[in-house]
Amino acid sequence: MIRHALCLALAFVATPAVSQQKTTAGSGAVLRGLEKVNGATQDLEMTIGQTEKFGRLNITLRECRYPEGNRAGNAFASMEISEAGREGTIFSGWMIASAPALNAMDHSRYDVWVLRCTTS
């Protein structure tokens, strides 16, 4: 039984993905920020390369991608977030609209997540 399960697991790992979803780059993104202390939210509409302030955070949008032919589909945004008065970045990477907790920014006062990509 164990040998059978091991063979199935190895076959699954060795099998290439059925298909990789093609994506299109957006010209920007809509992000949502949450100030946890008072519960206030703010939507930030940003273009690629733009830096916006949200509270003490500086958020730079590097890229936003969505499924090819489906602008309303799941957005993936690459961003870098730093905090005023603190060295370095507190978040650098990709966030996924449908799974914001998958690669979330860890901050005691603020939350930021991607809602959707925008096009010109």
PDB file of N, CA and C in Angstrom:
ATOM      1  N   MET A   1       0.825  -1.197   0.000  1.00  0.00           N
ATOM      2  CA  MET A   1       0.000   0.000   0.000  1.00  0.00           C
ATOM      3  C   MET A   1       0.866   1.258   0.000  1.00  0.00           C
ATOM      4  N   ILE A   2       1.884   1.273   0.845  1.00  0.00           N
ATOM      5  CA  ILE A   2       2.766   2.429   0.909  1.00  0.00           C
ATOM      6  C   ILE A   2       3.512   2.599  -0.411  1.00  0.00           C
ATOM      7  N   ARG A   3       3.943   1.474  -0.986  1.00  0.00           N
ATOM      8  CA  ARG A   3       4.662   1.532  -2.254  1.00  0.00           C
ATOM      9  C   ARG A   3       3.765   2.098  -3.356  1.00  0.00           C
ATOM     10  N   HIS A   4       2.499   1.702  -3.370  1.00  0.00           N
ATOM     11  CA  HIS A   4       1.544   2.198  -4.360  1.00  0.00           C
ATOM     12  C   HIS A   4       1.370   3.716  -4.209  1.00  0.00           C
ATOM     13  N   ALA A   5       1.229   4.199  -2.995  1.00  0.00           N
ATOM     14  CA  ALA A   5       1.065   5.633  -2.742  1.00  0.00           C
ATOM     15  C   ALA A   5       2.307   6.403  -3.165  1.00  0.00           C
ATOM     16  N   LEU A   6       3.484   5.827  -2.909  1.00  0.00           N
ATOM     17  CA  LEU A   6       4.725   6.468  -3.306  1.00  0.00           C
ATOM     18  C   LEU A   6       4.821   6.562  -4.827  1.00  0.00           C
ATOM     19  N   CYS A   7       4.447   5.516  -5.523  1.00  0.00           N
ATOM     20  CA  CYS A   7       4.464   5.520  -6.990  1.00  0.00           C
ATOM     21  C   CYS A   7       3.511   6.576  -7.543  1.00  0.00           C
ATOM     22  N   LEU A   8       2.336   6.690  -6.959  1.00  0.00           N
ATOM     23  CA  LEU A   8       1.378   7.708  -7.403  1.00  0.00           C
ATOM     24  C   LEU A   8       1.918   9.113  -7.168  1.00  0.00           C
ATOM     25  N   ALA A   9       2.533   9.330  -6.017  1.00  0.00           N
ATOM     26  CA  ALA A   9       3.101  10.643  -5.703  1.00  0.00           C
ATOM     27  C   ALA A   9       4.212  10.997  -6.678  1.00  0.00           C
ATOM     28  N   LEU A  10       5.087  10.055  -6.988  1.00  0.00           N
ATOM     29  CA  LEU A  10       6.175  10.306  -7.930  1.00  0.00           C
ATOM     30  C   LEU A  10       5.639  10.572  -9.333  1.00  0.00           C
ATOM     31  N   ALA A  11       4.615   9.847  -9.729  1.00  0.00           N
ATOM     32  CA  ALA A  11       4.020  10.070 -11.052  1.00  0.00           C
ATOM     33  C   ALA A  11       3.415  11.460 -11.142  1.00  0.00           C
ATOM     34  N   PHE A  12       2.776  11.908 -10.077  1.00  0.00           N
ATOM     35  CA  PHE A  12       2.170  13.233 -10.054  1.00  0.00           C
ATOM     36  C   PHE A  12       3.232  14.314 -10.176  1.00  0.00           C
ATOM     37  N   VAL A  13       4.334  14.179  -9.437  1.00  0.00           N
ATOM     38  CA  VAL A  13       5.414  15.169  -9.461  1.00  0.00           C
ATOM     39  C   VAL A  13       6.085  15.188 -10.829  1.00  0.00           C
ATOM     40  N   ALA A  14       6.249  14.043 -11.456  1.00  0.00           N
ATOM     41  CA  ALA A  14       6.950  13.954 -12.727  1.00  0.00           C
ATOM     42  C   ALA A  14       6.102  14.401 -13.912  1.00  0.00           C
ATOM     43  N   THR A  15       4.783  14.500 -13.737  1.00  0.00           N
ATOM     44  CA  THR A  15       3.889  14.887 -14.822  1.00  0.00           C
ATOM     45  C   THR A  15       3.880  16.403 -14.975  1.00  0.00           C
ATOM     46  N   PRO A  16       4.128  16.924 -16.199  1.00  0.00           N
ATOM     47  CA  PRO A  16       4.089  18.371 -16.379  1.00  0.00           C
ATOM     48  C   PRO A  16       2.675  18.899 -16.167  1.00  0.00           C
ATOM     49  N   ALA A  17       2.586  20.170 -15.829  1.00  0.00           N
ATOM     50  CA  ALA A  17       1.276  20.792 -15.630  1.00  0.00           C
ATOM     51  C   ALA A  17       0.455  20.678 -16.902  1.00  0.00           C
ATOM     52  N   VAL A  18      -0.831  20.471 -16.732  1.00  0.00           N
ATOM     53  CA  VAL A  18      -1.719  20.310 -17.869  1.00  0.00           C
ATOM     54  C   VAL A  18      -1.628  21.535 -18.779  1.00  0.00           C
ATOM     55  N   SER A  19      -1.689  22.714 -18.197  1.00  0.00           N
ATOM     56  CA  SER A  19      -1.507  23.931 -18.979  1.00  0.00           C
ATOM     57  C   SER A  19      -1.128  25.063 -18.039  1.00  0.00           C
ATOM     58  N   GLN A  20      -0.293  25.931 -18.534  1.00  0.00           N
ATOM     59  CA  GLN A  20       0.071  27.118 -17.785  1.00  0.00           C
ATOM     60  C   GLN A  20      -0.807  28.240 -18.313  1.00  0.00           C
ATOM     61  N   GLN A  21      -1.454  28.943 -17.420  1.00  0.00           N
ATOM     62  CA  GLN A  21      -2.347  30.012 -17.840  1.00  0.00           C
ATOM     63  C   GLN A  21      -1.530  31.197 -18.347  1.00  0.00           C
ATOM     64  N   LYS A  22      -1.857  31.693 -19.528  1.00  0.00           N
ATOM     65  CA  LYS A  22      -1.175  32.857 -20.085  1.00  0.00           C
ATOM     66  C   LYS A  22      -1.751  34.102 -19.440  1.00  0.00           C
ATOM     67  N   THR A  23      -0.872  35.084 -19.222  1.00  0.00           N
ATOM     68  CA  THR A  23      -1.305  36.316 -18.575  1.00  0.00           C
ATOM     69  C   THR A  23      -0.963  37.517 -19.450  1.00  0.00           C
ATOM     70  N   THR A  24      -1.624  38.615 -19.136  1.00  0.00           N
ATOM     71  CA  THR A  24      -1.409  39.889 -19.805  1.00  0.00           C
ATOM     72  C   THR A  24      -1.033  40.910 -18.741  1.00  0.00           C
ATOM     73  N   ALA A  25      -0.112  41.803 -19.090  1.00  0.00           N
ATOM     74  CA  ALA A  25       0.301  42.845 -18.150  1.00  0.00           C
ATOM     75  C   ALA A  25      -0.698  43.994 -18.172  1.00  0.00           C
ATOM     76  N   GLY A  26      -1.072  44.437 -16.997  1.00  0.00           N
ATOM     77  CA  GLY A  26      -1.924  45.608 -16.878  1.00  0.00           C
ATOM     78  C   GLY A  26      -1.071  46.863 -16.793  1.00  0.00           C
ATOM     79  N   SER A  27      -1.699  48.009 -16.952  1.00  0.00           N
ATOM     80  CA  SER A  27      -0.960  49.274 -16.848  1.00  0.00           C
ATOM     81  C   SER A  27      -0.902  49.770 -15.411  1.00  0.00           C
ATOM     82  N   GLY A  28      -1.649  49.124 -14.532  1.00  0.00           N
ATOM     83  CA  GLY A  28      -1.675  49.513 -13.131  1.00  0.00           C
ATOM     84  C   GLY A  28      -2.498  48.530 -12.324  1.00  0.00           C
ATOM     85  N   ALA A  29      -2.845  48.941 -11.106  1.00  0.00           N
ATOM     86  CA  ALA A  29      -3.630  48.069 -10.230  1.00  0.00           C
ATOM     87  C   ALA A  29      -4.429  48.906  -9.240  1.00  0.00           C
ATOM     88  N   VAL A  30      -5.462  48.280  -8.711  1.00  0.00           N
ATOM     89  CA  VAL A  30      -6.205  48.859  -7.594  1.00  0.00           C
ATOM     90  C   VAL A  30      -5.869  48.017  -6.381  1.00  0.00           C
ATOM     91  N   LEU A  31      -5.321  48.675  -5.370  1.00  0.00           N
ATOM     92  CA  LEU A  31      -4.966  48.024  -4.113  1.00  0.00           C
ATOM     93  C   LEU A  31      -5.893  48.545  -3.028  1.00  0.00           C
ATOM     94  N   ARG A  32      -6.066  47.768  -1.980  1.00  0.00           N
ATOM     95  CA  ARG A  32      -6.842  48.229  -0.828  1.00  0.00           C
ATOM     96  C   ARG A  32      -5.948  48.173   0.395  1.00  0.00           C
ATOM     97  N   GLY A  33      -5.975  49.278   1.146  1.00  0.00           N
ATOM     98  CA  GLY A  33      -5.227  49.349   2.397  1.00  0.00           C
ATOM     99  C   GLY A  33      -6.196  49.379   3.565  1.00  0.00           C
ATOM    100  N   LEU A  34      -5.823  48.718   4.642  1.00  0.00           N
ATOM    101  CA  LEU A  34      -6.625  48.692   5.864  1.00  0.00           C
ATOM    102  C   LEU A  34      -5.767  49.186   7.009  1.00  0.00           C
ATOM    103  N   GLU A  35      -6.268  50.185   7.727  1.00  0.00           N
ATOM    104  CA  GLU A  35      -5.628  50.664   8.949  1.00  0.00           C
ATOM    105  C   GLU A  35      -6.316  49.921  10.079  1.00  0.00           C
ATOM    106  N   LYS A  36      -5.621  48.957  10.687  1.00  0.00           N
ATOM    107  CA  LYS A  36      -6.237  48.040  11.648  1.00  0.00           C
ATOM    108  C   LYS A  36      -6.707  48.712  12.936  1.00  0.00           C
ATOM    109  N   VAL A  37      -6.101  49.809  13.336  1.00  0.00           N
ATOM    110  CA  VAL A  37      -6.455  50.450  14.600  1.00  0.00           C
ATOM    111  C   VAL A  37      -7.863  51.032  14.561  1.00  0.00           C
ATOM    112  N   ASN A  38      -8.195  51.737  13.467  1.00  0.00           N
ATOM    113  CA  ASN A  38      -9.522  52.350  13.396  1.00  0.00           C
ATOM    114  C   ASN A  38     -10.441  51.692  12.361  1.00  0.00           C
ATOM    115  N   GLY A  39      -9.934  50.699  11.632  1.00  0.00           N
ATOM    116  CA  GLY A  39     -10.741  49.973  10.659  1.00  0.00           C
ATOM    117  C   GLY A  39     -10.968  50.706   9.349  1.00  0.00           C
ATOM    118  N   ALA A  40     -10.269  51.816   9.143  1.00  0.00           N
ATOM    119  CA  ALA A  40     -10.451  52.591   7.912  1.00  0.00           C
ATOM    120  C   ALA A  40      -9.787  51.891   6.731  1.00  0.00           C
ATOM    121  N   THR A  41     -10.485  51.883   5.597  1.00  0.00           N
ATOM    122  CA  THR A  41      -9.913  51.329   4.369  1.00  0.00           C
ATOM    123  C   THR A  41      -9.774  52.438   3.345  1.00  0.00           C
ATOM    124  N   GLN A  42      -8.835  52.227   2.433  1.00  0.00           N
ATOM    125  CA  GLN A  42      -8.621  53.178   1.342  1.00  0.00           C
ATOM    126  C   GLN A  42      -8.208  52.394   0.111  1.00  0.00           C
ATOM    127  N   ASP A  43      -8.857  52.675  -1.019  1.00  0.00           N
ATOM    128  CA  ASP A  43      -8.468  52.070  -2.279  1.00  0.00           C
ATOM    129  C   ASP A  43      -7.449  52.970  -2.958  1.00  0.00           C
ATOM    130  N   LEU A  44      -6.399  52.367  -3.473  1.00  0.00           N
ATOM    131  CA  LEU A  44      -5.327  53.092  -4.139  1.00  0.00           C
ATOM    132  C   LEU A  44      -5.266  52.640  -5.585  1.00  0.00           C
ATOM    133  N   GLU A  45      -5.532  53.548  -6.519  1.00  0.00           N
ATOM    134  CA  GLU A  45      -5.399  53.226  -7.939  1.00  0.00           C
ATOM    135  C   GLU A  45      -4.027  53.717  -8.369  1.00  0.00           C
ATOM    136  N   MET A  46      -3.191  52.765  -8.783  1.00  0.00           N
ATOM    137  CA  MET A  46      -1.797  53.070  -9.072  1.00  0.00           C
ATOM    138  C   MET A  46      -1.419  52.621 -10.476  1.00  0.00           C
ATOM    139  N   THR A  47      -0.422  53.283 -11.051  1.00  0.00           N
ATOM    140  CA  THR A  47       0.150  52.852 -12.316  1.00  0.00           C
ATOM    141  C   THR A  47       1.468  52.151 -12.029  1.00  0.00           C
ATOM    142  N   ILE A  48       1.939  51.366 -12.980  1.00  0.00           N
ATOM    143  CA  ILE A  48       3.201  50.645 -12.815  1.00  0.00           C
ATOM    144  C   ILE A  48       4.328  51.650 -12.568  1.00  0.00           C
ATOM    145  N   GLY A  49       5.135  51.384 -11.556  1.00  0.00           N
ATOM    146  CA  GLY A  49       6.253  52.250 -11.205  1.00  0.00           C
ATOM    147  C   GLY A  49       5.907  53.362 -10.227  1.00  0.00           C
ATOM    148  N   GLN A  50       4.642  53.572  -9.966  1.00  0.00           N
ATOM    149  CA  GLN A  50       4.194  54.630  -9.070  1.00  0.00           C
ATOM    150  C   GLN A  50       4.356  54.211  -7.612  1.00  0.00           C
ATOM    151  N   THR A  51       4.647  55.200  -6.755  1.00  0.00           N
ATOM    152  CA  THR A  51       4.708  54.983  -5.313  1.00  0.00           C
ATOM    153  C   THR A  51       3.626  55.830  -4.663  1.00  0.00           C
ATOM    154  N   GLU A  52       2.825  55.215  -3.813  1.00  0.00           N
ATOM    155  CA  GLU A  52       1.754  55.897  -3.084  1.00  0.00           C
ATOM    156  C   GLU A  52       1.981  55.745  -1.588  1.00  0.00           C
ATOM    157  N   LYS A  53       1.519  56.734  -0.839  1.00  0.00           N
ATOM    158  CA  LYS A  53       1.577  56.657   0.619  1.00  0.00           C
ATOM    159  C   LYS A  53       0.239  56.155   1.133  1.00  0.00           C
ATOM    160  N   PHE A  54       0.309  55.279   2.105  1.00  0.00           N
ATOM    161  CA  PHE A  54      -0.872  54.845   2.844  1.00  0.00           C
ATOM    162  C   PHE A  54      -0.450  54.816   4.308  1.00  0.00           C
ATOM    163  N   GLY A  55      -0.933  55.798   5.085  1.00  0.00           N
ATOM    164  CA  GLY A  55      -0.457  55.933   6.462  1.00  0.00           C
ATOM    165  C   GLY A  55       1.042  56.163   6.446  1.00  0.00           C
ATOM    166  N   ARG A  56       1.782  55.331   7.162  1.00  0.00           N
ATOM    167  CA  ARG A  56       3.250  55.443   7.203  1.00  0.00           C
ATOM    168  C   ARG A  56       3.926  54.580   6.131  1.00  0.00           C
ATOM    169  N   LEU A  57       3.119  53.902   5.313  1.00  0.00           N
ATOM    170  CA  LEU A  57       3.667  53.007   4.298  1.00  0.00           C
ATOM    171  C   LEU A  57       3.904  53.728   2.977  1.00  0.00           C
ATOM    172  N   ASN A  58       4.948  53.310   2.279  1.00  0.00           N
ATOM    173  CA  ASN A  58       5.225  53.729   0.911  1.00  0.00           C
ATOM    174  C   ASN A  58       5.112  52.472   0.052  1.00  0.00           C
ATOM    175  N   ILE A  59       4.135  52.455  -0.845  1.00  0.00           N
ATOM    176  CA  ILE A  59       3.845  51.275  -1.655  1.00  0.00           C
ATOM    177  C   ILE A  59       4.233  51.569  -3.100  1.00  0.00           C
ATOM    178  N   THR A  60       5.111  50.737  -3.659  1.00  0.00           N
ATOM    179  CA  THR A  60       5.514  50.870  -5.051  1.00  0.00           C
ATOM    180  C   THR A  60       4.995  49.669  -5.827  1.00  0.00           C
ATOM    181  N   LEU A  61       4.238  49.945  -6.868  1.00  0.00           N
ATOM    182  CA  LEU A  61       3.697  48.895  -7.727  1.00  0.00           C
ATOM    183  C   LEU A  61       4.703  48.618  -8.843  1.00  0.00           C
ATOM    184  N   ARG A  62       5.190  47.377  -8.921  1.00  0.00           N
ATOM    185  CA  ARG A  62       6.170  47.011  -9.944  1.00  0.00           C
ATOM    186  C   ARG A  62       5.517  46.392 -11.176  1.00  0.00           C
ATOM    187  N   GLU A  63       4.466  45.587 -10.979  1.00  0.00           N
ATOM    188  CA  GLU A  63       3.833  44.901 -12.106  1.00  0.00           C
ATOM    189  C   GLU A  63       2.471  44.385 -11.673  1.00  0.00           C
ATOM    190  N   CYS A  64       1.553  44.269 -12.627  1.00  0.00           N
ATOM    191  CA  CYS A  64       0.264  43.640 -12.371  1.00  0.00           C
ATOM    192  C   CYS A  64      -0.093  42.803 -13.593  1.00  0.00           C
ATOM    193  N   ARG A  65      -0.491  41.562 -13.362  1.00  0.00           N
ATOM    194  CA  ARG A  65      -0.829  40.631 -14.449  1.00  0.00           C
ATOM    195  C   ARG A  65      -2.194  40.011 -14.168  1.00  0.00           C
ATOM    196  N   TYR A  66      -2.908  39.684 -15.253  1.00  0.00           N
ATOM    197  CA  TYR A  66      -4.218  39.050 -15.151  1.00  0.00           C
ATOM    198  C   TYR A  66      -4.341  38.015 -16.260  1.00  0.00           C
ATOM    199  N   PRO A  67      -5.276  37.065 -16.146  1.00  0.00           N
ATOM    200  CA  PRO A  67      -5.423  36.036 -17.171  1.00  0.00           C
ATOM    201  C   PRO A  67      -5.701  36.648 -18.542  1.00  0.00           C
ATOM    202  N   GLU A  68      -5.017  36.140 -19.552  1.00  0.00           N
ATOM    203  CA  GLU A  68      -5.172  36.648 -20.919  1.00  0.00           C
ATOM    204  C   GLU A  68      -6.644  36.601 -21.343  1.00  0.00           C
ATOM    205  N   GLY A  69      -7.152  37.742 -21.832  1.00  0.00           N
ATOM    206  CA  GLY A  69      -8.525  37.812 -22.306  1.00  0.00           C
ATOM    207  C   GLY A  69      -9.572  37.924 -21.215  1.00  0.00           C
ATOM    208  N   ASN A  70      -9.154  38.097 -19.959  1.00  0.00           N
ATOM    209  CA  ASN A  70     -10.109  38.152 -18.844  1.00  0.00           C
ATOM    210  C   ASN A  70      -9.656  39.198 -17.828  1.00  0.00           C
ATOM    211  N   ARG A  71      -9.924  40.469 -18.153  1.00  0.00           N
ATOM    212  CA  ARG A  71      -9.483  41.555 -17.263  1.00  0.00           C
ATOM    213  C   ARG A  71     -10.090  41.459 -15.873  1.00  0.00           C
ATOM    214  N   ALA A  72     -11.255  40.845 -15.761  1.00  0.00           N
ATOM    215  CA  ALA A  72     -11.906  40.702 -14.455  1.00  0.00           C
ATOM    216  C   ALA A  72     -11.371  39.486 -13.695  1.00  0.00           C
ATOM    217  N   GLY A  73     -10.453  38.734 -14.312  1.00  0.00           N
ATOM    218  CA  GLY A  73      -9.916  37.522 -13.688  1.00  0.00           C
ATOM    219  C   GLY A  73      -8.947  37.829 -12.553  1.00  0.00           C
ATOM    220  N   ASN A  74      -8.417  36.782 -12.006  1.00  0.00           N
ATOM    221  CA  ASN A  74      -7.533  36.859 -10.856  1.00  0.00           C
ATOM    222  C   ASN A  74      -6.282  37.691 -11.135  1.00  0.00           C
ATOM    223  N   ALA A  75      -6.056  38.735 -10.362  1.00  0.00           N
ATOM    224  CA  ALA A  75      -4.904  39.619 -10.544  1.00  0.00           C
ATOM    225  C   ALA A  75      -3.729  39.172  -9.677  1.00  0.00           C
ATOM    226  N   PHE A  76      -2.527  39.383 -10.216  1.00  0.00           N
ATOM    227  CA  PHE A  76      -1.275  39.114  -9.510  1.00  0.00           C
ATOM    228  C   PHE A  76      -0.481  40.405  -9.545  1.00  0.00           C
ATOM    229  N   ALA A  77      -0.140  40.972  -8.412  1.00  0.00           N
ATOM    230  CA  ALA A  77       0.595  42.237  -8.384  1.00  0.00           C
ATOM    231  C   ALA A  77       1.919  42.081  -7.653  1.00  0.00           C
ATOM    232  N   SER A  78       2.966  42.612  -8.277  1.00  0.00           N
ATOM    233  CA  SER A  78       4.285  42.643  -7.659  1.00  0.00           C
ATOM    234  C   SER A  78       4.478  44.032  -7.076  1.00  0.00           C
ATOM    235  N   MET A  79       4.829  44.081  -5.810  1.00  0.00           N
ATOM    236  CA  MET A  79       5.006  45.381  -5.160  1.00  0.00           C
ATOM    237  C   MET A  79       6.095  45.341  -4.109  1.00  0.00           C
ATOM    238  N   GLU A  80       6.519  46.530  -3.752  1.00  0.00           N
ATOM    239  CA  GLU A  80       7.512  46.703  -2.691  1.00  0.00           C
ATOM    240  C   GLU A  80       6.945  47.720  -1.717  1.00  0.00           C
ATOM    241  N   ILE A  81       6.987  47.373  -0.435  1.00  0.00           N
ATOM    242  CA  ILE A  81       6.397  48.239   0.589  1.00  0.00           C
ATOM    243  C   ILE A  81       7.441  48.519   1.656  1.00  0.00           C
ATOM    244  N   SER A  82       7.597  49.801   1.978  1.00  0.00           N
ATOM    245  CA  SER A  82       8.495  50.208   3.058  1.00  0.00           C
ATOM    246  C   SER A  82       7.703  51.081   4.024  1.00  0.00           C
ATOM    247  N   GLU A  83       8.284  51.303   5.195  1.00  0.00           N
ATOM    248  CA  GLU A  83       7.613  52.105   6.215  1.00  0.00           C
ATOM    249  C   GLU A  83       8.505  53.273   6.600  1.00  0.00           C
ATOM    250  N   ALA A  84       7.917  54.470   6.698  1.00  0.00           N
ATOM    251  CA  ALA A  84       8.659  55.664   7.084  1.00  0.00           C
ATOM    252  C   ALA A  84       9.304  55.446   8.455  1.00  0.00           C
ATOM    253  N   GLY A  85      10.575  55.797   8.566  1.00  0.00           N
ATOM    254  CA  GLY A  85      11.295  55.661   9.825  1.00  0.00           C
ATOM    255  C   GLY A  85      11.846  54.276  10.088  1.00  0.00           C
ATOM    256  N   ARG A  86      11.703  53.370   9.139  1.00  0.00           N
ATOM    257  CA  ARG A  86      12.192  52.003   9.299  1.00  0.00           C
ATOM    258  C   ARG A  86      13.045  51.651   8.083  1.00  0.00           C
ATOM    259  N   GLU A  87      14.223  51.119   8.322  1.00  0.00           N
ATOM    260  CA  GLU A  87      15.133  50.780   7.222  1.00  0.00           C
ATOM    261  C   GLU A  87      14.655  49.575   6.445  1.00  0.00           C
ATOM    262  N   GLY A  88      14.922  49.580   5.147  1.00  0.00           N
ATOM    263  CA  GLY A  88      14.615  48.438   4.301  1.00  0.00           C
ATOM    264  C   GLY A  88      13.145  48.330   3.955  1.00  0.00           C
ATOM    265  N   THR A  89      12.796  47.208   3.355  1.00  0.00           N
ATOM    266  CA  THR A  89      11.406  46.972   2.962  1.00  0.00           C
ATOM    267  C   THR A  89      10.741  46.034   3.967  1.00  0.00           C
ATOM    268  N   ILE A  90       9.435  46.201   4.107  1.00  0.00           N
ATOM    269  CA  ILE A  90       8.689  45.295   4.986  1.00  0.00           C
ATOM    270  C   ILE A  90       7.952  44.239   4.166  1.00  0.00           C
ATOM    271  N   PHE A  91       7.848  44.488   2.839  1.00  0.00           N
ATOM    272  CA  PHE A  91       7.284  43.491   1.931  1.00  0.00           C
ATOM    273  C   PHE A  91       7.859  43.719   0.548  1.00  0.00           C
ATOM    274  N   SER A  92       8.226  42.618  -0.097  1.00  0.00           N
ATOM    275  CA  SER A  92       8.682  42.664  -1.472  1.00  0.00           C
ATOM    276  C   SER A  92       8.288  41.351  -2.125  1.00  0.00           C
ATOM    277  N   GLY A  93       7.394  41.407  -3.108  1.00  0.00           N
ATOM    278  CA  GLY A  93       6.970  40.180  -3.762  1.00  0.00           C
ATOM    279  C   GLY A  93       5.635  40.325  -4.449  1.00  0.00           C
ATOM    280  N   TRP A  94       5.027  39.173  -4.728  1.00  0.00           N
ATOM    281  CA  TRP A  94       3.749  39.096  -5.430  1.00  0.00           C
ATOM    282  C   TRP A  94       2.610  38.855  -4.460  1.00  0.00           C
ATOM    283  N   MET A  95       1.495  39.531  -4.699  1.00  0.00           N
ATOM    284  CA  MET A  95       0.253  39.262  -3.979  1.00  0.00           C
ATOM    285  C   MET A  95      -0.777  38.817  -5.012  1.00  0.00           C
ATOM    286  N   ILE A  96      -1.645  37.911  -4.615  1.00  0.00           N
ATOM    287  CA  ILE A  96      -2.661  37.349  -5.502  1.00  0.00           C
ATOM    288  C   ILE A  96      -4.034  37.779  -4.995  1.00  0.00           C
ATOM    289  N   ALA A  97      -4.835  38.345  -5.884  1.00  0.00           N
ATOM    290  CA  ALA A  97      -6.134  38.881  -5.473  1.00  0.00           C
ATOM    291  C   ALA A  97      -7.034  37.827  -4.848  1.00  0.00           C
ATOM    292  N   SER A  98      -7.053  36.615  -5.404  1.00  0.00           N
ATOM    293  CA  SER A  98      -7.965  35.592  -4.897  1.00  0.00           C
ATOM    294  C   SER A  98      -7.465  34.924  -3.622  1.00  0.00           C
ATOM    295  N   ALA A  99      -6.207  35.145  -3.276  1.00  0.00           N
ATOM    296  CA  ALA A  99      -5.635  34.522  -2.071  1.00  0.00           C
ATOM    297  C   ALA A  99      -4.704  35.507  -1.360  1.00  0.00           C
ATOM    298  N   PRO A 100      -5.254  36.584  -0.789  1.00  0.00           N
ATOM    299  CA  PRO A 100      -4.399  37.604  -0.179  1.00  0.00           C
ATOM    300  C   PRO A 100      -3.561  37.088   0.987  1.00  0.00           C
ATOM    301  N   ALA A 101      -3.985  36.047   1.657  1.00  0.00           N
ATOM    302  CA  ALA A 101      -3.230  35.516   2.794  1.00  0.00           C
ATOM    303  C   ALA A 101      -2.067  34.625   2.350  1.00  0.00           C
ATOM    304  N   LEU A 102      -2.039  34.233   1.081  1.00  0.00           N
ATOM    305  CA  LEU A 102      -1.000  33.342   0.589  1.00  0.00           C
ATOM    306  C   LEU A 102       0.387  33.963   0.711  1.00  0.00           C
ATOM    307  N   ASN A 103       0.515  35.217   0.359  1.00  0.00           N
ATOM    308  CA  ASN A 103       1.793  35.930   0.472  1.00  0.00           C
ATOM    309  C   ASN A 103       1.490  37.321   1.008  1.00  0.00           C
ATOM    310  N   ALA A 104       1.095  37.371   2.256  1.00  0.00           N
ATOM    311  CA  ALA A 104       0.629  38.611   2.862  1.00  0.00           C
ATOM    312  C   ALA A 104       1.762  39.398   3.497  1.00  0.00           C
ATOM    313  N   MET A 105       1.554  40.708   3.555  1.00  0.00           N
ATOM    314  CA  MET A 105       2.469  41.574   4.281  1.00  0.00           C
ATOM    315  C   MET A 105       2.172  41.390   5.771  1.00  0.00           C
ATOM    316  N   ASP A 106       3.206  41.234   6.566  1.00  0.00           N
ATOM    317  CA  ASP A 106       3.031  41.043   8.002  1.00  0.00           C
ATOM    318  C   ASP A 106       3.334  42.350   8.725  1.00  0.00           C
ATOM    319  N   HIS A 107       2.287  43.058   9.112  1.00  0.00           N
ATOM    320  CA  HIS A 107       2.458  44.336   9.808  1.00  0.00           C
ATOM    321  C   HIS A 107       1.399  44.443  10.896  1.00  0.00           C
ATOM    322  N   SER A 108       1.781  44.995  12.035  1.00  0.00           N
ATOM    323  CA  SER A 108       0.857  45.066  13.165  1.00  0.00           C
ATOM    324  C   SER A 108      -0.248  46.109  12.982  1.00  0.00           C
ATOM    325  N   ARG A 109      -0.021  47.126  12.152  1.00  0.00           N
ATOM    326  CA  ARG A 109      -1.003  48.203  12.018  1.00  0.00           C
ATOM    327  C   ARG A 109      -1.708  48.252  10.655  1.00  0.00           C
ATOM    328  N   TYR A 110      -1.036  47.793   9.601  1.00  0.00           N
ATOM    329  CA  TYR A 110      -1.576  47.941   8.251  1.00  0.00           C
ATOM    330  C   TYR A 110      -1.694  46.606   7.527  1.00  0.00           C
ATOM    331  N   ASP A 111      -2.695  46.516   6.655  1.00  0.00           N
ATOM    332  CA  ASP A 111      -2.828  45.427   5.686  1.00  0.00           C
ATOM    333  C   ASP A 111      -2.961  46.070   4.320  1.00  0.00           C
ATOM    334  N   VAL A 112      -2.382  45.432   3.321  1.00  0.00           N
ATOM    335  CA  VAL A 112      -2.506  45.876   1.940  1.00  0.00           C
ATOM    336  C   VAL A 112      -2.736  44.644   1.098  1.00  0.00           C
ATOM    337  N   TRP A 113      -3.676  44.718   0.134  1.00  0.00           N
ATOM    338  CA  TRP A 113      -3.872  43.612  -0.782  1.00  0.00           C
ATOM    339  C   TRP A 113      -4.332  44.151  -2.128  1.00  0.00           C
ATOM    340  N   VAL A 114      -4.165  43.314  -3.148  1.00  0.00           N
ATOM    341  CA  VAL A 114      -4.513  43.683  -4.522  1.00  0.00           C
ATOM    342  C   VAL A 114      -5.976  43.311  -4.794  1.00  0.00           C
ATOM    343  N   LEU A 115      -6.695  44.205  -5.471  1.00  0.00           N
ATOM    344  CA  LEU A 115      -8.070  43.924  -5.872  1.00  0.00           C
ATOM    345  C   LEU A 115      -8.142  43.501  -7.331  1.00  0.00           C
ATOM    346  N   ARG A 116      -7.500  44.282  -8.212  1.00  0.00           N
ATOM    347  CA  ARG A 116      -7.559  43.990  -9.647  1.00  0.00           C
ATOM    348  C   ARG A 116      -6.494  44.807 -10.382  1.00  0.00           C
ATOM    349  N   CYS A 117      -6.222  44.384 -11.588  1.00  0.00           N
ATOM    350  CA  CYS A 117      -5.344  45.138 -12.480  1.00  0.00           C
ATOM    351  C   CYS A 117      -6.183  46.153 -13.238  1.00  0.00           C
ATOM    352  N   THR A 118      -5.531  47.203 -13.701  1.00  0.00           N
ATOM    353  CA  THR A 118      -6.194  48.171 -14.558  1.00  0.00           C
ATOM    354  C   THR A 118      -5.482  48.196 -15.907  1.00  0.00           C
ATOM    355  N   THR A 119      -6.184  48.645 -16.929  1.00  0.00           N
ATOM    356  CA  THR A 119      -5.600  48.822 -18.241  1.00  0.00           C
ATOM    357  C   THR A 119      -5.788  50.272 -18.639  1.00  0.00           C
ATOM    358  N   SER A 120      -4.982  50.738 -19.567  1.00  0.00           N
ATOM    359  CA  SER A 120      -5.054  52.151 -19.941  1.00  0.00           C
ATOM    360  C   SER A 120      -6.440  52.540 -20.259  1.00  0.00           C
TER     361      SER A 120
END
